[in-house]
């Protein structure tokens, strides 16, 4: 049991380093890829948890709702058609 408490954070950190290294840099959120790797290695378990919460790419099924751009009347084609 004592070894499990030591091994779990190490395994979790190594898994996170590999996951971060293999993920495309354009998909990682909030910080550059190199910064996440440094945080994971230097801070350890807290950096690992931070990566999973704030840096890891979003799952494909979870996307923010699309935002609708508000156009002024002179740029809105629907408005101009009704004139």
N, C-alpha and C. Protein backbone atom coordinates (compact mmCIF):
# COMPACT_ATOMS: atom_id res chain seq x y z
N UNK A 1 0.82 -1.20 0.00
CA UNK A 1 0.00 0.00 0.00
C UNK A 1 0.87 1.26 0.00
N UNK A 2 1.94 1.21 0.74
CA UNK A 2 2.83 2.36 0.82
C UNK A 2 3.45 2.67 -0.54
N UNK A 3 3.78 1.61 -1.29
CA UNK A 3 4.38 1.79 -2.60
C UNK A 3 3.39 2.36 -3.60
N UNK A 4 2.15 2.00 -3.44
CA UNK A 4 1.10 2.50 -4.33
C UNK A 4 0.95 4.02 -4.20
N UNK A 5 1.03 4.53 -2.99
CA UNK A 5 0.93 5.98 -2.78
C UNK A 5 2.11 6.73 -3.38
N UNK A 6 3.23 6.06 -3.52
CA UNK A 6 4.41 6.68 -4.13
C UNK A 6 4.36 6.54 -5.65
N UNK A 7 3.92 5.39 -6.13
CA UNK A 7 3.95 5.11 -7.56
C UNK A 7 2.84 5.82 -8.35
N UNK A 8 1.67 5.96 -7.79
CA UNK A 8 0.56 6.58 -8.52
C UNK A 8 0.87 8.00 -9.01
N UNK A 9 1.37 8.91 -8.17
CA UNK A 9 1.68 10.24 -8.69
C UNK A 9 2.79 10.22 -9.74
N UNK A 10 3.76 9.33 -9.60
CA UNK A 10 4.84 9.23 -10.58
C UNK A 10 4.29 8.73 -11.91
N UNK A 11 3.47 7.71 -11.88
CA UNK A 11 2.88 7.17 -13.10
C UNK A 11 1.98 8.22 -13.77
N UNK A 12 1.19 8.93 -12.96
CA UNK A 12 0.31 9.97 -13.48
C UNK A 12 1.12 11.09 -14.14
N UNK A 13 2.23 11.48 -13.52
CA UNK A 13 3.08 12.53 -14.08
C UNK A 13 3.72 12.08 -15.38
N UNK A 14 4.23 10.88 -15.43
CA UNK A 14 4.86 10.37 -16.65
C UNK A 14 3.82 10.27 -17.77
N UNK A 15 2.64 9.77 -17.45
CA UNK A 15 1.57 9.67 -18.45
C UNK A 15 1.21 11.06 -18.99
N UNK A 16 1.15 12.05 -18.12
CA UNK A 16 0.80 13.40 -18.54
C UNK A 16 1.89 14.01 -19.40
N UNK A 17 3.15 13.76 -19.08
CA UNK A 17 4.26 14.27 -19.91
C UNK A 17 4.16 13.69 -21.31
N UNK A 18 3.91 12.39 -21.40
CA UNK A 18 3.79 11.75 -22.71
C UNK A 18 2.58 12.29 -23.47
N UNK A 19 1.46 12.46 -22.78
CA UNK A 19 0.26 12.98 -23.42
C UNK A 19 0.49 14.40 -23.93
N UNK A 20 1.11 15.23 -23.15
CA UNK A 20 1.39 16.61 -23.55
C UNK A 20 2.38 16.64 -24.72
N UNK A 21 3.39 15.80 -24.68
CA UNK A 21 4.39 15.78 -25.74
C UNK A 21 3.81 15.29 -27.07
N UNK A 22 2.85 14.39 -27.01
CA UNK A 22 2.26 13.83 -28.23
C UNK A 22 1.14 14.69 -28.80
N UNK A 23 0.56 15.57 -28.00
CA UNK A 23 -0.54 16.41 -28.45
C UNK A 23 -0.02 17.53 -29.34
N UNK A 24 -0.75 17.81 -30.40
CA UNK A 24 -0.38 18.88 -31.31
C UNK A 24 -0.40 20.23 -30.57
N UNK A 25 0.62 21.03 -30.82
CA UNK A 25 0.77 22.30 -30.10
C UNK A 25 -0.41 23.25 -30.33
N UNK A 26 -1.06 23.15 -31.48
CA UNK A 26 -2.19 24.05 -31.76
C UNK A 26 -3.44 23.68 -30.96
N UNK A 27 -3.49 22.48 -30.41
CA UNK A 27 -4.67 22.04 -29.65
C UNK A 27 -4.57 22.33 -28.16
N UNK A 28 -3.36 22.56 -27.66
CA UNK A 28 -3.17 22.79 -26.23
C UNK A 28 -3.64 24.19 -25.89
N UNK A 29 -4.38 24.30 -24.77
CA UNK A 29 -4.99 25.57 -24.39
C UNK A 29 -4.16 26.33 -23.36
N UNK A 30 -4.33 27.62 -23.34
CA UNK A 30 -3.89 28.57 -22.30
C UNK A 30 -2.40 28.85 -22.24
N UNK A 31 -1.52 27.92 -22.48
CA UNK A 31 -0.08 28.15 -22.46
C UNK A 31 0.55 27.42 -23.64
N UNK A 32 1.76 27.83 -24.04
CA UNK A 32 2.44 27.05 -25.07
C UNK A 32 2.79 25.65 -24.57
N UNK A 33 3.03 24.76 -25.50
CA UNK A 33 3.31 23.37 -25.16
C UNK A 33 4.55 23.26 -24.26
N UNK A 34 5.59 24.00 -24.58
CA UNK A 34 6.83 23.92 -23.80
C UNK A 34 6.60 24.37 -22.35
N UNK A 35 5.72 25.37 -22.17
CA UNK A 35 5.45 25.86 -20.81
C UNK A 35 4.71 24.80 -19.99
N UNK A 36 3.77 24.10 -20.63
CA UNK A 36 3.07 23.02 -19.92
C UNK A 36 4.05 21.92 -19.53
N UNK A 37 4.94 21.57 -20.43
CA UNK A 37 5.91 20.52 -20.10
C UNK A 37 6.79 20.93 -18.92
N UNK A 38 7.23 22.19 -18.91
CA UNK A 38 8.05 22.67 -17.79
C UNK A 38 7.25 22.65 -16.49
N UNK A 39 6.00 23.11 -16.53
CA UNK A 39 5.17 23.09 -15.32
C UNK A 39 4.95 21.67 -14.81
N UNK A 40 4.69 20.75 -15.71
CA UNK A 40 4.45 19.37 -15.30
C UNK A 40 5.69 18.78 -14.64
N UNK A 41 6.85 19.05 -15.22
CA UNK A 41 8.08 18.47 -14.69
C UNK A 41 8.51 19.15 -13.39
N UNK A 42 8.46 20.48 -13.36
CA UNK A 42 8.96 21.22 -12.19
C UNK A 42 8.01 21.14 -11.00
N UNK A 43 6.72 21.35 -11.23
CA UNK A 43 5.78 21.39 -10.13
C UNK A 43 5.29 20.00 -9.74
N UNK A 44 5.33 19.06 -10.66
CA UNK A 44 4.93 17.69 -10.33
C UNK A 44 3.44 17.49 -10.38
N UNK A 45 2.88 16.95 -9.34
CA UNK A 45 1.47 16.55 -9.33
C UNK A 45 0.54 17.74 -9.52
N UNK A 46 0.85 18.87 -8.95
CA UNK A 46 -0.01 20.05 -9.11
C UNK A 46 0.03 20.54 -10.56
N UNK A 47 1.20 20.53 -11.18
CA UNK A 47 1.31 20.89 -12.59
C UNK A 47 0.59 19.91 -13.48
N UNK A 48 0.62 18.65 -13.10
CA UNK A 48 -0.09 17.62 -13.85
C UNK A 48 -1.60 17.85 -13.80
N UNK A 49 -2.10 18.12 -12.62
CA UNK A 49 -3.54 18.37 -12.47
C UNK A 49 -3.93 19.65 -13.22
N UNK A 50 -3.08 20.67 -13.16
CA UNK A 50 -3.36 21.92 -13.88
C UNK A 50 -3.44 21.68 -15.38
N UNK A 51 -2.56 20.83 -15.91
CA UNK A 51 -2.60 20.52 -17.34
C UNK A 51 -3.92 19.84 -17.72
N UNK A 52 -4.36 18.88 -16.92
CA UNK A 52 -5.59 18.17 -17.24
C UNK A 52 -6.81 19.07 -17.12
N UNK A 53 -6.76 20.07 -16.24
CA UNK A 53 -7.90 20.96 -16.07
C UNK A 53 -7.89 22.10 -17.10
N UNK A 54 -6.72 22.72 -17.31
CA UNK A 54 -6.69 23.95 -18.10
C UNK A 54 -5.92 23.86 -19.41
N UNK A 55 -5.14 22.83 -19.62
CA UNK A 55 -4.30 22.82 -20.81
C UNK A 55 -4.65 21.78 -21.85
N UNK A 56 -5.24 20.70 -21.42
CA UNK A 56 -5.52 19.59 -22.33
C UNK A 56 -6.60 20.00 -23.32
N UNK A 57 -6.50 19.51 -24.57
CA UNK A 57 -7.53 19.85 -25.55
C UNK A 57 -8.91 19.38 -25.11
N UNK A 58 -9.91 20.11 -25.50
CA UNK A 58 -11.28 19.73 -25.16
C UNK A 58 -11.65 18.46 -25.91
N UNK A 59 -12.54 17.69 -25.30
CA UNK A 59 -13.03 16.49 -25.97
C UNK A 59 -13.86 16.90 -27.18
N UNK A 60 -13.87 16.07 -28.23
CA UNK A 60 -14.58 16.46 -29.45
C UNK A 60 -16.07 16.76 -29.26
N UNK A 61 -16.74 16.11 -28.34
CA UNK A 61 -18.17 16.33 -28.16
C UNK A 61 -18.49 17.59 -27.39
N UNK A 62 -17.50 18.19 -26.74
CA UNK A 62 -17.75 19.36 -25.90
C UNK A 62 -17.16 20.59 -26.59
N UNK A 63 -18.01 21.34 -27.24
CA UNK A 63 -17.58 22.57 -27.90
C UNK A 63 -18.38 23.71 -27.35
N UNK A 64 -17.76 24.87 -27.24
CA UNK A 64 -18.55 26.02 -26.80
C UNK A 64 -19.60 26.35 -27.86
N UNK A 65 -20.73 26.88 -27.44
CA UNK A 65 -21.77 27.21 -28.43
C UNK A 65 -21.25 28.27 -29.39
N UNK A 66 -21.64 28.19 -30.65
CA UNK A 66 -21.16 29.19 -31.61
C UNK A 66 -21.72 30.56 -31.25
N UNK A 67 -20.88 31.54 -31.38
CA UNK A 67 -21.32 32.91 -31.08
C UNK A 67 -21.75 33.57 -32.38
N UNK A 68 -22.81 34.31 -32.32
CA UNK A 68 -23.31 34.99 -33.50
C UNK A 68 -22.76 36.40 -33.51
N UNK A 69 -22.18 36.76 -34.64
CA UNK A 69 -21.60 38.09 -34.76
C UNK A 69 -22.70 39.10 -35.04
N UNK A 70 -22.70 40.18 -34.31
CA UNK A 70 -23.69 41.23 -34.49
C UNK A 70 -23.16 42.21 -35.53
N UNK A 71 -23.95 42.41 -36.56
CA UNK A 71 -23.56 43.32 -37.64
C UNK A 71 -24.30 44.64 -37.52
N UNK A 72 -23.62 45.73 -37.83
CA UNK A 72 -24.34 47.00 -37.89
C UNK A 72 -25.27 46.98 -39.10
N UNK A 73 -26.31 47.82 -39.09
CA UNK A 73 -27.32 47.76 -40.16
C UNK A 73 -26.73 47.91 -41.57
N UNK A 74 -25.71 48.74 -41.74
CA UNK A 74 -25.18 48.94 -43.09
C UNK A 74 -24.36 47.76 -43.60
N UNK A 75 -24.00 46.81 -42.73
CA UNK A 75 -23.27 45.61 -43.15
C UNK A 75 -24.14 44.36 -43.14
N UNK A 76 -25.34 44.47 -42.64
CA UNK A 76 -26.23 43.32 -42.53
C UNK A 76 -26.98 43.11 -43.85
N UNK A 77 -26.72 41.99 -44.55
CA UNK A 77 -27.38 41.80 -45.85
C UNK A 77 -28.90 41.68 -45.74
N UNK A 78 -29.42 41.12 -44.67
CA UNK A 78 -30.88 41.02 -44.50
C UNK A 78 -31.51 42.40 -44.37
N UNK A 79 -30.86 43.26 -43.63
CA UNK A 79 -31.38 44.63 -43.45
C UNK A 79 -31.36 45.38 -44.79
N UNK A 80 -30.26 45.24 -45.52
CA UNK A 80 -30.13 45.96 -46.78
C UNK A 80 -31.13 45.44 -47.82
N UNK A 81 -31.46 44.17 -47.78
CA UNK A 81 -32.44 43.61 -48.72
C UNK A 81 -33.82 44.19 -48.47
N UNK A 82 -34.13 44.51 -47.22
CA UNK A 82 -35.46 44.99 -46.87
C UNK A 82 -35.64 46.49 -47.09
N UNK A 83 -34.63 47.17 -47.53
CA UNK A 83 -34.74 48.63 -47.72
C UNK A 83 -35.47 48.91 -49.02
